[in-house]
Amino acid sequence: MQRNFSAEVTNKLWVADLTFVSTWRGFVYVAFIVDVFSRYIVGWKVDSSLHAEIALAALEQAIYADSTDNGLIHHSDRGMQYL
């Protein structure tokens, strides 16, 4: 099922995901939060192991950078790191 996300202004809808990247020393995991309107990465974290704290650290960084309280929606795919 395809979902189309849109936002009228910045900091109304954030989407989150995790991925892995191959490096010379092995794989690293990257968690990131993207503002749907601006398409900027507003929070991110890189770690050598995949665990729940990586998702939380990316979200905390994004929240710290945006101090407004405007009814923000945060969406993730509900993978095990987000549960």
PDB file of N, CA and C in Angstrom:
ATOM      1  N   MET A   1       0.837  -1.174   0.000  1.00  0.00           N
ATOM      2  CA  MET A   1       0.000   0.000   0.000  1.00  0.00           C
ATOM      3  C   MET A   1       0.887   1.245   0.000  1.00  0.00           C
ATOM      4  N   GLN A   2       0.642   2.147  -0.916  1.00  0.00           N
ATOM      5  CA  GLN A   2       1.420   3.378  -1.004  1.00  0.00           C
ATOM      6  C   GLN A   2       0.762   4.461  -0.156  1.00  0.00           C
ATOM      7  N   ARG A   3       1.613   5.200   0.571  1.00  0.00           N
ATOM      8  CA  ARG A   3       1.123   6.314   1.371  1.00  0.00           C
ATOM      9  C   ARG A   3       1.781   7.587   0.880  1.00  0.00           C
ATOM     10  N   ASN A   4       0.978   8.607   0.724  1.00  0.00           N
ATOM     11  CA  ASN A   4       1.497   9.907   0.314  1.00  0.00           C
ATOM     12  C   ASN A   4       1.435  10.839   1.505  1.00  0.00           C
ATOM     13  N   PHE A   5       2.586  11.307   1.937  1.00  0.00           N
ATOM     14  CA  PHE A   5       2.666  12.219   3.056  1.00  0.00           C
ATOM     15  C   PHE A   5       2.924  13.615   2.527  1.00  0.00           C
ATOM     16  N   SER A   6       2.207  14.573   3.077  1.00  0.00           N
ATOM     17  CA  SER A   6       2.451  15.962   2.719  1.00  0.00           C
ATOM     18  C   SER A   6       2.206  16.830   3.946  1.00  0.00           C
ATOM     19  N   ALA A   7       2.813  18.004   3.936  1.00  0.00           N
ATOM     20  CA  ALA A   7       2.646  18.966   5.018  1.00  0.00           C
ATOM     21  C   ALA A   7       2.615  20.355   4.404  1.00  0.00           C
ATOM     22  N   GLU A   8       1.826  21.236   4.992  1.00  0.00           N
ATOM     23  CA  GLU A   8       1.672  22.601   4.489  1.00  0.00           C
ATOM     24  C   GLU A   8       2.808  23.519   4.922  1.00  0.00           C
ATOM     25  N   VAL A   9       3.394  23.236   6.085  1.00  0.00           N
ATOM     26  CA  VAL A   9       4.490  24.044   6.625  1.00  0.00           C
ATOM     27  C   VAL A   9       5.515  23.115   7.275  1.00  0.00           C
ATOM     28  N   THR A  10       6.674  23.680   7.577  1.00  0.00           N
ATOM     29  CA  THR A  10       7.719  22.902   8.220  1.00  0.00           C
ATOM     30  C   THR A  10       7.342  22.559   9.663  1.00  0.00           C
ATOM     31  N   ASN A  11       7.919  21.502  10.191  1.00  0.00           N
ATOM     32  CA  ASN A  11       7.727  21.037  11.570  1.00  0.00           C
ATOM     33  C   ASN A  11       6.274  20.702  11.917  1.00  0.00           C
ATOM     34  N   LYS A  12       5.547  20.175  10.933  1.00  0.00           N
ATOM     35  CA  LYS A  12       4.207  19.654  11.186  1.00  0.00           C
ATOM     36  C   LYS A  12       4.178  18.134  11.083  1.00  0.00           C
ATOM     37  N   LEU A  13       5.051  17.578  10.216  1.00  0.00           N
ATOM     38  CA  LEU A  13       5.088  16.134  10.013  1.00  0.00           C
ATOM     39  C   LEU A  13       6.528  15.697   9.812  1.00  0.00           C
ATOM     40  N   TRP A  14       6.976  14.809  10.668  1.00  0.00           N
ATOM     41  CA  TRP A  14       8.297  14.198  10.542  1.00  0.00           C
ATOM     42  C   TRP A  14       8.110  12.712  10.289  1.00  0.00           C
ATOM     43  N   VAL A  15       8.958  12.137   9.432  1.00  0.00           N
ATOM     44  CA  VAL A  15       8.979  10.699   9.209  1.00  0.00           C
ATOM     45  C   VAL A  15      10.355  10.165   9.601  1.00  0.00           C
ATOM     46  N   ALA A  16      10.384   8.943  10.093  1.00  0.00           N
ATOM     47  CA  ALA A  16      11.625   8.358  10.602  1.00  0.00           C
ATOM     48  C   ALA A  16      11.889   7.016   9.930  1.00  0.00           C
ATOM     49  N   ASP A  17      13.162   6.696   9.815  1.00  0.00           N
ATOM     50  CA  ASP A  17      13.548   5.392   9.281  1.00  0.00           C
ATOM     51  C   ASP A  17      14.948   5.042   9.754  1.00  0.00           C
ATOM     52  N   LEU A  18      15.304   3.781   9.554  1.00  0.00           N
ATOM     53  CA  LEU A  18      16.629   3.237   9.867  1.00  0.00           C
ATOM     54  C   LEU A  18      17.155   2.539   8.629  1.00  0.00           C
ATOM     55  N   THR A  19      18.453   2.601   8.442  1.00  0.00           N
ATOM     56  CA  THR A  19      19.083   1.872   7.348  1.00  0.00           C
ATOM     57  C   THR A  19      20.492   1.487   7.767  1.00  0.00           C
ATOM     58  N   PHE A  20      21.169   0.743   6.928  1.00  0.00           N
ATOM     59  CA  PHE A  20      22.564   0.401   7.196  1.00  0.00           C
ATOM     60  C   PHE A  20      23.406   0.814   6.003  1.00  0.00           C
ATOM     61  N   VAL A  21      24.672   1.127   6.282  1.00  0.00           N
ATOM     62  CA  VAL A  21      25.603   1.596   5.261  1.00  0.00           C
ATOM     63  C   VAL A  21      26.878   0.777   5.370  1.00  0.00           C
ATOM     64  N   SER A  22      27.364   0.320   4.243  1.00  0.00           N
ATOM     65  CA  SER A  22      28.609  -0.430   4.211  1.00  0.00           C
ATOM     66  C   SER A  22      29.788   0.543   4.222  1.00  0.00           C
ATOM     67  N   THR A  23      30.741   0.309   5.109  1.00  0.00           N
ATOM     68  CA  THR A  23      31.952   1.123   5.174  1.00  0.00           C
ATOM     69  C   THR A  23      33.157   0.194   5.032  1.00  0.00           C
ATOM     70  N   TRP A  24      34.360   0.767   5.013  1.00  0.00           N
ATOM     71  CA  TRP A  24      35.579  -0.041   4.930  1.00  0.00           C
ATOM     72  C   TRP A  24      35.738  -0.939   6.152  1.00  0.00           C
ATOM     73  N   ARG A  25      35.161  -0.527   7.283  1.00  0.00           N
ATOM     74  CA  ARG A  25      35.320  -1.289   8.534  1.00  0.00           C
ATOM     75  C   ARG A  25      34.107  -2.144   8.864  1.00  0.00           C
ATOM     76  N   GLY A  26      33.157  -2.235   7.949  1.00  0.00           N
ATOM     77  CA  GLY A  26      31.946  -3.010   8.189  1.00  0.00           C
ATOM     78  C   GLY A  26      30.711  -2.139   8.064  1.00  0.00           C
ATOM     79  N   PHE A  27      29.593  -2.647   8.562  1.00  0.00           N
ATOM     80  CA  PHE A  27      28.340  -1.921   8.466  1.00  0.00           C
ATOM     81  C   PHE A  27      28.146  -0.981   9.647  1.00  0.00           C
ATOM     82  N   VAL A  28      27.521   0.154   9.388  1.00  0.00           N
ATOM     83  CA  VAL A  28      27.034   1.042  10.438  1.00  0.00           C
ATOM     84  C   VAL A  28      25.542   1.260  10.188  1.00  0.00           C
ATOM     85  N   TYR A  29      24.842   1.577  11.242  1.00  0.00           N
ATOM     86  CA  TYR A  29      23.411   1.813  11.162  1.00  0.00           C
ATOM     87  C   TYR A  29      23.133   3.291  11.324  1.00  0.00           C
ATOM     88  N   VAL A  30      22.174   3.790  10.542  1.00  0.00           N
ATOM     89  CA  VAL A  30      21.828   5.203  10.565  1.00  0.00           C
ATOM     90  C   VAL A  30      20.333   5.334  10.795  1.00  0.00           C
ATOM     91  N   ALA A  31      19.974   6.094  11.819  1.00  0.00           N
ATOM     92  CA  ALA A  31      18.579   6.453  12.079  1.00  0.00           C
ATOM     93  C   ALA A  31      18.434   7.925  11.728  1.00  0.00           C
ATOM     94  N   PHE A  32      17.340   8.282  11.087  1.00  0.00           N
ATOM     95  CA  PHE A  32      17.162   9.678  10.718  1.00  0.00           C
ATOM     96  C   PHE A  32      15.694  10.075  10.764  1.00  0.00           C
ATOM     97  N   ILE A  33      15.487  11.371  10.994  1.00  0.00           N
ATOM     98  CA  ILE A  33      14.165  11.970  11.023  1.00  0.00           C
ATOM     99  C   ILE A  33      14.148  13.032   9.928  1.00  0.00           C
ATOM    100  N   VAL A  34      13.140  12.994   9.053  1.00  0.00           N
ATOM    101  CA  VAL A  34      13.037  13.933   7.945  1.00  0.00           C
ATOM    102  C   VAL A  34      11.775  14.777   8.103  1.00  0.00           C
ATOM    103  N   ASP A  35      11.929  16.099   7.937  1.00  0.00           N
ATOM    104  CA  ASP A  35      10.773  16.988   7.903  1.00  0.00           C
ATOM    105  C   ASP A  35      10.141  16.854   6.513  1.00  0.00           C
ATOM    106  N   VAL A  36       8.871  16.482   6.461  1.00  0.00           N
ATOM    107  CA  VAL A  36       8.219  16.201   5.182  1.00  0.00           C
ATOM    108  C   VAL A  36       8.120  17.448   4.308  1.00  0.00           C
ATOM    109  N   PHE A  37       7.838  18.606   4.883  1.00  0.00           N
ATOM    110  CA  PHE A  37       7.687  19.827   4.091  1.00  0.00           C
ATOM    111  C   PHE A  37       9.012  20.270   3.474  1.00  0.00           C
ATOM    112  N   SER A  38      10.038  20.421   4.292  1.00  0.00           N
ATOM    113  CA  SER A  38      11.324  20.932   3.807  1.00  0.00           C
ATOM    114  C   SER A  38      12.216  19.845   3.210  1.00  0.00           C
ATOM    115  N   ARG A  39      11.930  18.587   3.563  1.00  0.00           N
ATOM    116  CA  ARG A  39      12.739  17.426   3.160  1.00  0.00           C
ATOM    117  C   ARG A  39      14.147  17.466   3.730  1.00  0.00           C
ATOM    118  N   TYR A  40      14.319  18.212   4.815  1.00  0.00           N
ATOM    119  CA  TYR A  40      15.606  18.256   5.527  1.00  0.00           C
ATOM    120  C   TYR A  40      15.658  17.162   6.579  1.00  0.00           C
ATOM    121  N   ILE A  41      16.841  16.643   6.805  1.00  0.00           N
ATOM    122  CA  ILE A  41      17.050  15.733   7.926  1.00  0.00           C
ATOM    123  C   ILE A  41      17.181  16.600   9.174  1.00  0.00           C
ATOM    124  N   VAL A  42      16.251  16.437  10.109  1.00  0.00           N
ATOM    125  CA  VAL A  42      16.229  17.270  11.312  1.00  0.00           C
ATOM    126  C   VAL A  42      16.847  16.563  12.516  1.00  0.00           C
ATOM    127  N   GLY A  43      17.084  15.271  12.415  1.00  0.00           N
ATOM    128  CA  GLY A  43      17.734  14.514  13.474  1.00  0.00           C
ATOM    129  C   GLY A  43      18.330  13.240  12.901  1.00  0.00           C
ATOM    130  N   TRP A  44      19.493  12.849  13.427  1.00  0.00           N
ATOM    131  CA  TRP A  44      20.130  11.630  12.935  1.00  0.00           C
ATOM    132  C   TRP A  44      21.079  11.075  13.985  1.00  0.00           C
ATOM    133  N   LYS A  45      21.374   9.794  13.830  1.00  0.00           N
ATOM    134  CA  LYS A  45      22.325   9.112  14.719  1.00  0.00           C
ATOM    135  C   LYS A  45      22.934   7.946  13.944  1.00  0.00           C
ATOM    136  N   VAL A  46      24.237   7.773  14.096  1.00  0.00           N
ATOM    137  CA  VAL A  46      24.969   6.651  13.489  1.00  0.00           C
ATOM    138  C   VAL A  46      25.546   5.819  14.611  1.00  0.00           C
ATOM    139  N   ASP A  47      25.466   4.493  14.481  1.00  0.00           N
ATOM    140  CA  ASP A  47      26.014   3.600  15.500  1.00  0.00           C
ATOM    141  C   ASP A  47      26.437   2.297  14.849  1.00  0.00           C
ATOM    142  N   SER A  48      27.323   1.590  15.506  1.00  0.00           N
ATOM    143  CA  SER A  48      27.811   0.315  14.976  1.00  0.00           C
ATOM    144  C   SER A  48      26.889  -0.852  15.302  1.00  0.00           C
ATOM    145  N   SER A  49      25.904  -0.635  16.158  1.00  0.00           N
ATOM    146  CA  SER A  49      24.944  -1.696  16.461  1.00  0.00           C
ATOM    147  C   SER A  49      23.525  -1.155  16.366  1.00  0.00           C
ATOM    148  N   LEU A  50      22.610  -2.033  16.038  1.00  0.00           N
ATOM    149  CA  LEU A  50      21.214  -1.658  15.860  1.00  0.00           C
ATOM    150  C   LEU A  50      20.448  -1.932  17.140  1.00  0.00           C
ATOM    151  N   HIS A  51      19.945  -0.889  17.762  1.00  0.00           N
ATOM    152  CA  HIS A  51      19.190  -1.023  18.999  1.00  0.00           C
ATOM    153  C   HIS A  51      18.214   0.137  19.106  1.00  0.00           C
ATOM    154  N   ALA A  52      17.306   0.088  20.055  1.00  0.00           N
ATOM    155  CA  ALA A  52      16.264   1.113  20.187  1.00  0.00           C
ATOM    156  C   ALA A  52      16.830   2.493  20.463  1.00  0.00           C
ATOM    157  N   GLU A  53      17.938   2.582  21.175  1.00  0.00           N
ATOM    158  CA  GLU A  53      18.497   3.879  21.542  1.00  0.00           C
ATOM    159  C   GLU A  53      18.903   4.705  20.322  1.00  0.00           C
ATOM    160  N   ILE A  54      19.237   4.061  19.214  1.00  0.00           N
ATOM    161  CA  ILE A  54      19.631   4.806  18.019  1.00  0.00           C
ATOM    162  C   ILE A  54      18.447   5.613  17.480  1.00  0.00           C
ATOM    163  N   ALA A  55      17.255   5.028  17.491  1.00  0.00           N
ATOM    164  CA  ALA A  55      16.052   5.730  17.038  1.00  0.00           C
ATOM    165  C   ALA A  55      15.698   6.865  17.999  1.00  0.00           C
ATOM    166  N   LEU A  56      15.814   6.610  19.281  1.00  0.00           N
ATOM    167  CA  LEU A  56      15.513   7.635  20.283  1.00  0.00           C
ATOM    168  C   LEU A  56      16.487   8.806  20.218  1.00  0.00           C
ATOM    169  N   ALA A  57      17.758   8.524  19.991  1.00  0.00           N
ATOM    170  CA  ALA A  57      18.762   9.590  19.910  1.00  0.00           C
ATOM    171  C   ALA A  57      18.492  10.503  18.718  1.00  0.00           C
ATOM    172  N   ALA A  58      18.092   9.935  17.584  1.00  0.00           N
ATOM    173  CA  ALA A  58      17.764  10.756  16.413  1.00  0.00           C
ATOM    174  C   ALA A  58      16.549  11.636  16.697  1.00  0.00           C
ATOM    175  N   LEU A  59      15.540  11.069  17.350  1.00  0.00           N
ATOM    176  CA  LEU A  59      14.347  11.840  17.696  1.00  0.00           C
ATOM    177  C   LEU A  59      14.660  12.933  18.707  1.00  0.00           C
ATOM    178  N   GLU A  60      15.457  12.621  19.716  1.00  0.00           N
ATOM    179  CA  GLU A  60      15.824  13.624  20.710  1.00  0.00           C
ATOM    180  C   GLU A  60      16.593  14.780  20.077  1.00  0.00           C
ATOM    181  N   GLN A  61      17.474  14.485  19.135  1.00  0.00           N
ATOM    182  CA  GLN A  61      18.221  15.538  18.452  1.00  0.00           C
ATOM    183  C   GLN A  61      17.267  16.443  17.673  1.00  0.00           C
ATOM    184  N   ALA A  62      16.303  15.855  16.987  1.00  0.00           N
ATOM    185  CA  ALA A  62      15.338  16.640  16.219  1.00  0.00           C
ATOM    186  C   ALA A  62      14.479  17.511  17.129  1.00  0.00           C
ATOM    187  N   ILE A  63      14.032  16.954  18.242  1.00  0.00           N
ATOM    188  CA  ILE A  63      13.204  17.714  19.192  1.00  0.00           C
ATOM    189  C   ILE A  63      14.007  18.856  19.798  1.00  0.00           C
ATOM    190  N   TYR A  64      15.253  18.595  20.132  1.00  0.00           N
ATOM    191  CA  TYR A  64      16.105  19.636  20.707  1.00  0.00           C
ATOM    192  C   TYR A  64      16.308  20.796  19.736  1.00  0.00           C
ATOM    193  N   ALA A  65      16.425  20.481  18.446  1.00  0.00           N
ATOM    194  CA  ALA A  65      16.648  21.511  17.435  1.00  0.00           C
ATOM    195  C   ALA A  65      15.397  22.339  17.166  1.00  0.00           C
ATOM    196  N   ASP A  66      14.220  21.762  17.422  1.00  0.00           N
ATOM    197  CA  ASP A  66      12.966  22.478  17.183  1.00  0.00           C
ATOM    198  C   ASP A  66      12.241  22.664  18.507  1.00  0.00           C
ATOM    199  N   SER A  67      12.226  23.871  19.018  1.00  0.00           N
ATOM    200  CA  SER A  67      11.617  24.116  20.323  1.00  0.00           C
ATOM    201  C   SER A  67      10.166  24.565  20.228  1.00  0.00           C
ATOM    202  N   THR A  68       9.588  24.579  19.024  1.00  0.00           N
ATOM    203  CA  THR A  68       8.201  25.016  18.892  1.00  0.00           C
ATOM    204  C   THR A  68       7.244  23.903  19.303  1.00  0.00           C
ATOM    205  N   ASP A  69       6.059  24.294  19.719  1.00  0.00           N
ATOM    206  CA  ASP A  69       5.013  23.336  20.093  1.00  0.00           C
ATOM    207  C   ASP A  69       3.825  23.593  19.185  1.00  0.00           C
ATOM    208  N   ASN A  70       3.809  22.905  18.045  1.00  0.00           N
ATOM    209  CA  ASN A  70       2.794  23.206  17.041  1.00  0.00           C
ATOM    210  C   ASN A  70       2.000  21.983  16.583  1.00  0.00           C
ATOM    211  N   GLY A  71       1.821  21.009  17.422  1.00  0.00           N
ATOM    212  CA  GLY A  71       1.047  19.832  17.044  1.00  0.00           C
ATOM    213  C   GLY A  71       1.761  18.928  16.058  1.00  0.00           C
ATOM    214  N   LEU A  72       3.035  18.767  16.219  1.00  0.00           N
ATOM    215  CA  LEU A  72       3.862  17.957  15.332  1.00  0.00           C
ATOM    216  C   LEU A  72       3.433  16.490  15.353  1.00  0.00           C
ATOM    217  N   ILE A  73       3.439  15.859  14.189  1.00  0.00           N
ATOM    218  CA  ILE A  73       3.179  14.426  14.057  1.00  0.00           C
ATOM    219  C   ILE A  73       4.488  13.749  13.680  1.00  0.00           C
ATOM    220  N   HIS A  74       4.825  12.670  14.391  1.00  0.00           N
ATOM    221  CA  HIS A  74       6.032  11.890  14.105  1.00  0.00           C
ATOM    222  C   HIS A  74       5.576  10.509  13.643  1.00  0.00           C
ATOM    223  N   HIS A  75       6.027  10.096  12.463  1.00  0.00           N
ATOM    224  CA  HIS A  75       5.619   8.800  11.898  1.00  0.00           C
ATOM    225  C   HIS A  75       6.836   7.933  11.659  1.00  0.00           C
ATOM    226  N   SER A  76       6.741   6.673  12.043  1.00  0.00           N
ATOM    227  CA  SER A  76       7.770   5.679  11.723  1.00  0.00           C
ATOM    228  C   SER A  76       7.085   4.431  11.198  1.00  0.00           C
ATOM    229  N   ASP A  77       7.881   3.493  10.714  1.00  0.00           N
ATOM    230  CA  ASP A  77       7.309   2.261  10.179  1.00  0.00           C
ATOM    231  C   ASP A  77       6.964   1.251  11.269  1.00  0.00           C
ATOM    232  N   ARG A  78       7.188   1.617  12.515  1.00  0.00           N
ATOM    233  CA  ARG A  78       6.873   0.779  13.669  1.00  0.00           C
ATOM    234  C   ARG A  78       7.709  -0.512  13.691  1.00  0.00           C
ATOM    235  N   GLY A  79       8.932  -0.412  13.216  1.00  0.00           N
ATOM    236  CA  GLY A  79       9.852  -1.535  13.325  1.00  0.00           C
ATOM    237  C   GLY A  79      10.198  -1.790  14.776  1.00  0.00           C
ATOM    238  N   MET A  80      10.925  -2.842  15.069  1.00  0.00           N
ATOM    239  CA  MET A  80      11.177  -3.225  16.462  1.00  0.00           C
ATOM    240  C   MET A  80      11.921  -2.147  17.243  1.00  0.00           C
ATOM    241  N   GLN A  81      12.747  -1.324  16.592  1.00  0.00           N
ATOM    242  CA  GLN A  81      13.460  -0.278  17.304  1.00  0.00           C
ATOM    243  C   GLN A  81      12.508   0.843  17.749  1.00  0.00           C
ATOM    244  N   TYR A  82      11.383   0.990  17.067  1.00  0.00           N
ATOM    245  CA  TYR A  82      10.426   2.042  17.404  1.00  0.00           C
ATOM    246  C   TYR A  82       9.374   1.575  18.406  1.00  0.00           C
ATOM    247  N   LEU A  83       9.241   0.286  18.581  1.00  0.00           N
ATOM    248  CA  LEU A  83       8.278  -0.224  19.559  1.00  0.00           C
ATOM    249  C   LEU A  83       8.924  -0.173  20.893  1.00  0.00           C
TER     250      LEU A  83
END
